[in-house]
Amino acid sequence: MTGAVLVTGAGARLGKAMAVRFAQEGYDVALHYNTSDTGAQEAAAAIRAAGREAVLLRADLADLDACADLVSHALDALPHLSGLVNSASVFERDSLGTMTEDFYRRQMRINAEAPLFLGQAFWRGIAGEGWIINMIDAKIRQITAEFFSYTLSKLALEDGTRMLAMACAPKVRVNAIAPGLILRSGAQTDAGFEAVHACNPLRRGSTVDDICDMAAMLAGARATTGQIVTVDGGAHFYSPGHPQNS
């Protein structure tokens, strides 16, 4: 593959892994980060070691005015930009009882609104054809009232992905990946993490490599747009609370 890709949230976790993977696929990479400076520097070093160009761009995506500027800076540095991966996200717990206006609006701004405004700027700015991949969450297939504001923001991005795909065609293809549980979070133990995966229909969960594989595939899938691909080992077959088969 050739071209360049802007990856948001490229200083940590999945965004960092995808940035390095796209370099291995032959892309130059613009790495967006906010507070994860060390991780972004590490990703840039790995990208350069793979023989590709790496550009570091800092922006706070809670400020929606920063979205167009971020794409503009990426295009200035990499005029052959052809891809956008919206991986930056905030994953914070609330409930209907604890939700506040500020908390809700932060989740929506970063998780749903920023990808849409980044997509708009990307669609307007690139010279040729391109593609966008939004990172959602397999929670959209198993809705619960946990992580109330976060889940709402990802549900908004699910429909936003389809609407972007319609509006951006034929110039830009827009798809999304909905990962299952990939990395441990919070107080989860190794045993608990593995136990969740063992209950999936495929008896395994999605890994970082699985998500990177899917992202690389969607980047090159020139006849595919408006799709939400769930990568979770089949866990979405079960409704919340459903006794999973042993």
C-alpha atoms as a PDB file:
ATOM      1  CA  MET A   1       0.000   0.000   0.000  1.00  0.00           C
ATOM      2  CA  THR A   2       1.059   3.595  -0.488  1.00  0.00           C
ATOM      3  CA  GLY A   3      -0.128   6.877   0.916  1.00  0.00           C
ATOM      4  CA  ALA A   4      -0.264   8.393   4.379  1.00  0.00           C
ATOM      5  CA  VAL A   5      -2.642   8.027   7.293  1.00  0.00           C
ATOM      6  CA  LEU A   6      -3.578  10.219  10.251  1.00  0.00           C
ATOM      7  CA  VAL A   7      -4.164   8.148  13.394  1.00  0.00           C
ATOM      8  CA  THR A   8      -5.731   9.876  16.375  1.00  0.00           C
ATOM      9  CA  GLY A   9      -4.906   8.669  19.856  1.00  0.00           C
ATOM     10  CA  ALA A  10      -1.675   7.230  18.464  1.00  0.00           C
ATOM     11  CA  GLY A  11       0.269   7.573  21.703  1.00  0.00           C
ATOM     12  CA  ALA A  12      -1.429   4.766  23.608  1.00  0.00           C
ATOM     13  CA  ARG A  13      -2.899   1.303  23.422  1.00  0.00           C
ATOM     14  CA  LEU A  14      -4.751   0.434  20.236  1.00  0.00           C
ATOM     15  CA  GLY A  15      -4.089   3.711  18.411  1.00  0.00           C
ATOM     16  CA  LYS A  16      -0.368   3.282  18.924  1.00  0.00           C
ATOM     17  CA  ALA A  17      -0.451  -0.296  17.623  1.00  0.00           C
ATOM     18  CA  MET A  18      -2.431   0.657  14.524  1.00  0.00           C
ATOM     19  CA  ALA A  19      -0.093   3.548  13.728  1.00  0.00           C
ATOM     20  CA  VAL A  20       2.884   1.181  13.712  1.00  0.00           C
ATOM     21  CA  ARG A  21       0.952  -1.439  11.729  1.00  0.00           C
ATOM     22  CA  PHE A  22       0.087   1.029   8.975  1.00  0.00           C
ATOM     23  CA  ALA A  23       3.760   1.926   8.678  1.00  0.00           C
ATOM     24  CA  GLN A  24       4.497  -1.771   8.213  1.00  0.00           C
ATOM     25  CA  GLU A  25       1.810  -1.782   5.496  1.00  0.00           C
ATOM     26  CA  GLY A  26       3.705   0.968   3.657  1.00  0.00           C
ATOM     27  CA  TYR A  27       2.037   4.154   4.911  1.00  0.00           C
ATOM     28  CA  ASP A  28       3.639   7.305   6.223  1.00  0.00           C
ATOM     29  CA  VAL A  29       1.913   8.229   9.475  1.00  0.00           C
ATOM     30  CA  ALA A  30       0.757  11.417  11.173  1.00  0.00           C
ATOM     31  CA  LEU A  31       0.455  10.548  14.858  1.00  0.00           C
ATOM     32  CA  HIS A  32      -2.026  12.572  16.875  1.00  0.00           C
ATOM     33  CA  TYR A  33      -1.710  12.610  20.649  1.00  0.00           C
ATOM     34  CA  ASN A  34      -2.819  14.805  23.517  1.00  0.00           C
ATOM     35  CA  THR A  35      -1.155  13.797  26.789  1.00  0.00           C
ATOM     36  CA  SER A  36       0.584  10.563  25.692  1.00  0.00           C
ATOM     37  CA  ASP A  37       3.802  12.205  24.528  1.00  0.00           C
ATOM     38  CA  THR A  38       6.105   9.313  25.462  1.00  0.00           C
ATOM     39  CA  GLY A  39       3.960   6.720  23.702  1.00  0.00           C
ATOM     40  CA  ALA A  40       3.694   8.864  20.584  1.00  0.00           C
ATOM     41  CA  GLN A  41       7.471   9.259  20.492  1.00  0.00           C
ATOM     42  CA  GLU A  42       7.878   5.487  20.811  1.00  0.00           C
ATOM     43  CA  ALA A  43       5.445   4.898  17.962  1.00  0.00           C
ATOM     44  CA  ALA A  44       7.246   7.462  15.803  1.00  0.00           C
ATOM     45  CA  ALA A  45      10.565   5.699  16.417  1.00  0.00           C
ATOM     46  CA  ALA A  46       9.055   2.347  15.388  1.00  0.00           C
ATOM     47  CA  ILE A  47       7.563   3.885  12.245  1.00  0.00           C
ATOM     48  CA  ARG A  48      10.870   5.426  11.232  1.00  0.00           C
ATOM     49  CA  ALA A  49      12.601   2.120  11.920  1.00  0.00           C
ATOM     50  CA  ALA A  50      10.177   0.590   9.409  1.00  0.00           C
ATOM     51  CA  GLY A  51      11.416   3.081   6.818  1.00  0.00           C
ATOM     52  CA  ARG A  52       8.350   5.333   6.809  1.00  0.00           C
ATOM     53  CA  GLU A  53       7.866   8.987   7.697  1.00  0.00           C
ATOM     54  CA  ALA A  54       6.367   9.875  11.085  1.00  0.00           C
ATOM     55  CA  VAL A  55       4.914  13.266  12.022  1.00  0.00           C
ATOM     56  CA  LEU A  56       3.852  14.092  15.578  1.00  0.00           C
ATOM     57  CA  LEU A  57       0.816  16.365  16.048  1.00  0.00           C
ATOM     58  CA  ARG A  58      -0.620  17.355  19.423  1.00  0.00           C
ATOM     59  CA  ALA A  59      -4.252  18.411  19.827  1.00  0.00           C
ATOM     60  CA  ASP A  60      -6.987  18.306  22.456  1.00  0.00           C
ATOM     61  CA  LEU A  61      -9.990  16.869  20.623  1.00  0.00           C
ATOM     62  CA  ALA A  62     -12.322  18.110  23.352  1.00  0.00           C
ATOM     63  CA  ASP A  63     -11.890  21.397  21.501  1.00  0.00           C
ATOM     64  CA  LEU A  64     -13.771  20.783  18.263  1.00  0.00           C
ATOM     65  CA  ASP A  65     -12.058  23.759  16.622  1.00  0.00           C
ATOM     66  CA  ALA A  66      -8.840  21.742  16.849  1.00  0.00           C
ATOM     67  CA  CYS A  67     -10.156  19.060  14.496  1.00  0.00           C
ATOM     68  CA  ALA A  68      -9.875  21.010  11.234  1.00  0.00           C
ATOM     69  CA  ASP A  69      -6.484  22.358  12.330  1.00  0.00           C
ATOM     70  CA  LEU A  70      -5.242  18.831  13.019  1.00  0.00           C
ATOM     71  CA  VAL A  71      -6.179  17.623   9.537  1.00  0.00           C
ATOM     72  CA  SER A  72      -4.695  20.776   7.996  1.00  0.00           C
ATOM     73  CA  HIS A  73      -1.372  20.236   9.797  1.00  0.00           C
ATOM     74  CA  ALA A  74      -1.335  16.570   8.740  1.00  0.00           C
ATOM     75  CA  LEU A  75      -1.904  17.576   5.105  1.00  0.00           C
ATOM     76  CA  ASP A  76       0.836  20.205   5.284  1.00  0.00           C
ATOM     77  CA  ALA A  77       3.294  17.569   6.499  1.00  0.00           C
ATOM     78  CA  LEU A  78       1.993  14.674   4.379  1.00  0.00           C
ATOM     79  CA  PRO A  79       0.216  16.021   1.248  1.00  0.00           C
ATOM     80  CA  HIS A  80      -0.379  12.451   0.071  1.00  0.00           C
ATOM     81  CA  LEU A  81      -2.669  11.798   3.068  1.00  0.00           C
ATOM     82  CA  SER A  82      -5.264   9.201   2.087  1.00  0.00           C
ATOM     83  CA  GLY A  83      -6.457   7.653   5.348  1.00  0.00           C
ATOM     84  CA  LEU A  84      -7.875   8.680   8.731  1.00  0.00           C
ATOM     85  CA  VAL A  85      -8.218   6.385  11.743  1.00  0.00           C
ATOM     86  CA  ASN A  86     -10.336   7.874  14.532  1.00  0.00           C
ATOM     87  CA  SER A  87      -8.995   5.944  17.504  1.00  0.00           C
ATOM     88  CA  ALA A  88      -8.809   8.672  20.176  1.00  0.00           C
ATOM     89  CA  SER A  89     -11.395   8.054  22.872  1.00  0.00           C
ATOM     90  CA  VAL A  90     -12.228   8.537  26.526  1.00  0.00           C
ATOM     91  CA  PHE A  91     -13.548   5.504  28.392  1.00  0.00           C
ATOM     92  CA  GLU A  92     -14.939   6.598  31.725  1.00  0.00           C
ATOM     93  CA  ARG A  93     -17.661   5.100  33.902  1.00  0.00           C
ATOM     94  CA  ASP A  94     -20.880   6.783  34.898  1.00  0.00           C
ATOM     95  CA  SER A  95     -24.512   5.810  35.390  1.00  0.00           C
ATOM     96  CA  LEU A  96     -27.818   7.569  35.003  1.00  0.00           C
ATOM     97  CA  GLY A  97     -27.595   8.387  38.696  1.00  0.00           C
ATOM     98  CA  THR A  98     -24.110   9.906  38.552  1.00  0.00           C
ATOM     99  CA  MET A  99     -24.177  11.468  35.077  1.00  0.00           C
ATOM    100  CA  THR A 100     -23.496  15.200  34.925  1.00  0.00           C
ATOM    101  CA  GLU A 101     -23.819  17.562  32.002  1.00  0.00           C
ATOM    102  CA  ASP A 102     -20.071  18.210  31.817  1.00  0.00           C
ATOM    103  CA  PHE A 103     -19.221  14.509  31.967  1.00  0.00           C
ATOM    104  CA  TYR A 104     -21.782  13.628  29.282  1.00  0.00           C
ATOM    105  CA  ARG A 105     -20.646  16.407  26.966  1.00  0.00           C
ATOM    106  CA  ARG A 106     -16.980  15.407  27.280  1.00  0.00           C
ATOM    107  CA  GLN A 107     -17.775  11.826  26.236  1.00  0.00           C
ATOM    108  CA  MET A 108     -19.842  13.029  23.286  1.00  0.00           C
ATOM    109  CA  ARG A 109     -17.322  15.639  22.140  1.00  0.00           C
ATOM    110  CA  ILE A 110     -14.319  13.334  22.049  1.00  0.00           C
ATOM    111  CA  ASN A 111     -15.942   9.991  21.176  1.00  0.00           C
ATOM    112  CA  ALA A 112     -18.625  11.064  18.697  1.00  0.00           C
ATOM    113  CA  GLU A 113     -18.356  14.683  17.604  1.00  0.00           C
ATOM    114  CA  ALA A 114     -14.585  14.897  17.064  1.00  0.00           C
ATOM    115  CA  PRO A 115     -14.529  11.929  14.614  1.00  0.00           C
ATOM    116  CA  LEU A 116     -17.324  13.568  12.607  1.00  0.00           C
ATOM    117  CA  PHE A 117     -15.585  16.932  12.364  1.00  0.00           C
ATOM    118  CA  LEU A 118     -12.257  15.251  11.615  1.00  0.00           C
ATOM    119  CA  GLY A 119     -14.007  13.276   8.881  1.00  0.00           C
ATOM    120  CA  GLN A 120     -15.507  16.441   7.456  1.00  0.00           C
ATOM    121  CA  ALA A 121     -12.135  18.193   7.330  1.00  0.00           C
ATOM    122  CA  PHE A 122     -10.456  15.109   5.847  1.00  0.00           C
ATOM    123  CA  TRP A 123     -13.138  14.746   3.137  1.00  0.00           C
ATOM    124  CA  ARG A 124     -12.801  18.403   2.232  1.00  0.00           C
ATOM    125  CA  GLY A 125      -9.022  18.498   2.343  1.00  0.00           C
ATOM    126  CA  ILE A 126      -7.561  15.435   0.641  1.00  0.00           C
ATOM    127  CA  ALA A 127      -6.699  15.672  -3.036  1.00  0.00           C
ATOM    128  CA  GLY A 128      -7.791  12.218  -4.222  1.00  0.00           C
ATOM    129  CA  GLU A 129      -9.781   9.252  -2.960  1.00  0.00           C
ATOM    130  CA  GLY A 130      -9.465   8.206   0.648  1.00  0.00           C
ATOM    131  CA  TRP A 131     -10.839   6.170   3.522  1.00  0.00           C
ATOM    132  CA  ILE A 132     -11.840   6.620   7.153  1.00  0.00           C
ATOM    133  CA  ILE A 133     -12.004   4.015   9.919  1.00  0.00           C
ATOM    134  CA  ASN A 134     -13.848   4.886  13.126  1.00  0.00           C
ATOM    135  CA  MET A 135     -13.204   2.878  16.267  1.00  0.00           C
ATOM    136  CA  ILE A 136     -16.439   2.161  18.091  1.00  0.00           C
ATOM    137  CA  ASP A 137     -16.987  -0.598  20.702  1.00  0.00           C
ATOM    138  CA  ALA A 138     -18.681  -4.000  20.741  1.00  0.00           C
ATOM    139  CA  LYS A 139     -20.836  -2.567  23.551  1.00  0.00           C
ATOM    140  CA  ILE A 140     -23.093  -1.229  20.812  1.00  0.00           C
ATOM    141  CA  ARG A 141     -24.139  -4.850  20.166  1.00  0.00           C
ATOM    142  CA  GLN A 142     -24.863  -5.554  23.872  1.00  0.00           C
ATOM    143  CA  ILE A 143     -26.303  -2.382  25.313  1.00  0.00           C
ATOM    144  CA  THR A 144     -26.365  -2.065  29.098  1.00  0.00           C
ATOM    145  CA  ALA A 145     -26.846   0.941  31.377  1.00  0.00           C
ATOM    146  CA  GLU A 146     -23.207   0.759  32.502  1.00  0.00           C
ATOM    147  CA  PHE A 147     -20.813   3.393  31.187  1.00  0.00           C
ATOM    148  CA  PHE A 148     -23.952   5.355  30.345  1.00  0.00           C
ATOM    149  CA  SER A 149     -22.477   8.408  28.608  1.00  0.00           C
ATOM    150  CA  TYR A 150     -19.646   6.481  26.956  1.00  0.00           C
ATOM    151  CA  THR A 151     -22.031   3.943  25.435  1.00  0.00           C
ATOM    152  CA  LEU A 152     -24.322   6.670  24.136  1.00  0.00           C
ATOM    153  CA  SER A 153     -21.350   8.354  22.474  1.00  0.00           C
ATOM    154  CA  LYS A 154     -20.364   5.159  20.682  1.00  0.00           C
ATOM    155  CA  LEU A 155     -23.948   4.542  19.575  1.00  0.00           C
ATOM    156  CA  ALA A 156     -23.952   8.049  18.109  1.00  0.00           C
ATOM    157  CA  LEU A 157     -20.726   7.300  16.246  1.00  0.00           C
ATOM    158  CA  GLU A 158     -22.214   4.078  14.862  1.00  0.00           C
ATOM    159  CA  ASP A 159     -24.948   5.979  13.017  1.00  0.00           C
ATOM    160  CA  GLY A 160     -22.544   8.827  12.317  1.00  0.00           C
ATOM    161  CA  THR A 161     -20.315   6.359  10.464  1.00  0.00           C
ATOM    162  CA  ARG A 162     -23.137   5.310   8.156  1.00  0.00           C
ATOM    163  CA  MET A 163     -24.175   8.903   7.524  1.00  0.00           C
ATOM    164  CA  LEU A 164     -20.584   9.929   6.794  1.00  0.00           C
ATOM    165  CA  ALA A 165     -20.285   7.029   4.367  1.00  0.00           C
ATOM    166  CA  MET A 166     -23.329   8.288   2.482  1.00  0.00           C
ATOM    167  CA  ALA A 167     -22.243  11.921   2.506  1.00  0.00           C
ATOM    168  CA  CYS A 168     -18.577  11.327   1.631  1.00  0.00           C
ATOM    169  CA  ALA A 169     -19.153   8.927  -1.294  1.00  0.00           C
ATOM    170  CA  PRO A 170     -17.689   8.484  -3.804  1.00  0.00           C
ATOM    171  CA  LYS A 171     -14.563  10.346  -2.699  1.00  0.00           C
ATOM    172  CA  VAL A 172     -14.079   8.791   0.746  1.00  0.00           C
ATOM    173  CA  ARG A 173     -15.065   5.357   2.088  1.00  0.00           C
ATOM    174  CA  VAL A 174     -16.106   5.284   5.746  1.00  0.00           C
ATOM    175  CA  ASN A 175     -16.226   2.136   7.891  1.00  0.00           C
ATOM    176  CA  ALA A 176     -15.920   1.296  11.574  1.00  0.00           C
ATOM    177  CA  ILE A 177     -14.521  -1.439  13.780  1.00  0.00           C
ATOM    178  CA  ALA A 178     -16.281  -2.415  17.015  1.00  0.00           C
ATOM    179  CA  PRO A 179     -13.679  -4.255  19.111  1.00  0.00           C
ATOM    180  CA  GLY A 180     -14.530  -6.543  21.973  1.00  0.00           C
ATOM    181  CA  LEU A 181     -12.464  -6.774  25.130  1.00  0.00           C
ATOM    182  CA  ILE A 182      -8.844  -6.459  23.987  1.00  0.00           C
ATOM    183  CA  LEU A 183      -6.775  -5.113  26.845  1.00  0.00           C
ATOM    184  CA  ARG A 184      -7.181  -5.350  30.596  1.00  0.00           C
ATOM    185  CA  SER A 185      -8.666  -2.288  32.203  1.00  0.00           C
ATOM    186  CA  GLY A 186      -9.187  -1.100  35.759  1.00  0.00           C
ATOM    187  CA  ALA A 187      -8.950  -3.793  38.429  1.00  0.00           C
ATOM    188  CA  GLN A 188      -9.498  -6.715  36.058  1.00  0.00           C
ATOM    189  CA  THR A 189      -7.185  -9.660  36.763  1.00  0.00           C
ATOM    190  CA  ASP A 190      -5.446 -11.804  34.169  1.00  0.00           C
ATOM    191  CA  ALA A 191      -7.670 -14.713  35.175  1.00  0.00           C
ATOM    192  CA  GLY A 192     -10.817 -12.638  34.817  1.00  0.00           C
ATOM    193  CA  PHE A 193      -9.673 -11.334  31.462  1.00  0.00           C
ATOM    194  CA  GLU A 194      -9.062 -14.847  30.135  1.00  0.00           C
ATOM    195  CA  ALA A 195     -12.315 -16.161  31.599  1.00  0.00           C
ATOM    196  CA  VAL A 196     -14.339 -13.609  29.649  1.00  0.00           C
ATOM    197  CA  HIS A 197     -12.646 -14.659  26.429  1.00  0.00           C
ATOM    198  CA  ALA A 198     -13.106 -18.366  27.142  1.00  0.00           C
ATOM    199  CA  CYS A 199     -16.891 -17.856  27.123  1.00  0.00           C
ATOM    200  CA  ASN A 200     -16.976 -16.487  23.579  1.00  0.00           C
ATOM    201  CA  PRO A 201     -18.328 -18.738  20.800  1.00  0.00           C
ATOM    202  CA  LEU A 202     -14.824 -18.854  19.273  1.00  0.00           C
ATOM    203  CA  ARG A 203     -13.316 -19.510  22.734  1.00  0.00           C
ATOM    204  CA  ARG A 204     -10.982 -16.562  22.183  1.00  0.00           C
ATOM    205  CA  GLY A 205     -11.303 -12.828  22.285  1.00  0.00           C
ATOM    206  CA  SER A 206     -10.067 -10.215  19.899  1.00  0.00           C
ATOM    207  CA  THR A 207      -6.441  -9.181  20.160  1.00  0.00           C
ATOM    208  CA  VAL A 208      -4.620  -6.023  19.170  1.00  0.00           C
ATOM    209  CA  ASP A 209      -3.300  -7.874  16.114  1.00  0.00           C
ATOM    210  CA  ASP A 210      -6.852  -8.880  15.140  1.00  0.00           C
ATOM    211  CA  ILE A 211      -7.943  -5.243  15.176  1.00  0.00           C
ATOM    212  CA  CYS A 212      -4.881  -4.139  13.224  1.00  0.00           C
ATOM    213  CA  ASP A 213      -5.558  -6.868  10.644  1.00  0.00           C
ATOM    214  CA  MET A 214      -9.131  -5.654  10.211  1.00  0.00           C
ATOM    215  CA  ALA A 215      -8.041  -2.025   9.921  1.00  0.00           C
ATOM    216  CA  ALA A 216      -5.524  -2.885   7.220  1.00  0.00           C
ATOM    217  CA  MET A 217      -8.166  -4.898   5.378  1.00  0.00           C
ATOM    218  CA  LEU A 218     -10.749  -2.107   5.473  1.00  0.00           C
ATOM    219  CA  ALA A 219      -8.173   0.429   4.309  1.00  0.00           C
ATOM    220  CA  GLY A 220      -7.754  -1.557   1.109  1.00  0.00           C
ATOM    221  CA  ALA A 221     -11.370  -2.664   0.622  1.00  0.00           C
ATOM    222  CA  ARG A 222     -12.275  -0.304  -2.211  1.00  0.00           C
ATOM    223  CA  ALA A 223     -15.851  -1.594  -2.623  1.00  0.00           C
ATOM    224  CA  THR A 224     -16.739  -1.467   1.073  1.00  0.00           C
ATOM    225  CA  THR A 225     -18.267   1.518   2.857  1.00  0.00           C
ATOM    226  CA  GLY A 226     -20.770   2.138   5.637  1.00  0.00           C
ATOM    227  CA  GLN A 227     -19.920  -1.115   7.438  1.00  0.00           C
ATOM    228  CA  ILE A 228     -19.588  -1.653  11.192  1.00  0.00           C
ATOM    229  CA  VAL A 229     -17.400  -4.730  11.713  1.00  0.00           C
ATOM    230  CA  THR A 230     -17.584  -6.328  15.157  1.00  0.00           C
ATOM    231  CA  VAL A 231     -14.373  -8.114  16.180  1.00  0.00           C
ATOM    232  CA  ASP A 232     -15.060  -9.812  19.505  1.00  0.00           C
ATOM    233  CA  GLY A 233     -14.805 -13.580  19.127  1.00  0.00           C
ATOM    234  CA  GLY A 234     -18.577 -13.778  18.673  1.00  0.00           C
ATOM    235  CA  ALA A 235     -19.455 -12.391  22.118  1.00  0.00           C
ATOM    236  CA  HIS A 236     -22.097 -10.141  20.559  1.00  0.00           C
ATOM    237  CA  PHE A 237     -24.265 -13.225  19.897  1.00  0.00           C
ATOM    238  CA  TYR A 238     -25.168 -13.190  23.584  1.00  0.00           C
ATOM    239  CA  SER A 239     -27.436 -10.617  25.152  1.00  0.00           C
ATOM    240  CA  PRO A 240     -26.337  -9.152  28.515  1.00  0.00           C
ATOM    241  CA  GLY A 241     -26.982 -11.657  31.279  1.00  0.00           C
ATOM    242  CA  HIS A 242     -27.523 -14.527  28.857  1.00  0.00           C
ATOM    243  CA  PRO A 243     -25.991 -17.779  30.145  1.00  0.00           C
ATOM    244  CA  GLN A 244     -23.231 -18.541  27.663  1.00  0.00           C
ATOM    245  CA  ASN A 245     -22.683 -22.104  26.531  1.00  0.00           C
ATOM    246  CA  SER A 246     -19.840 -24.003  28.137  1.00  0.00           C
END
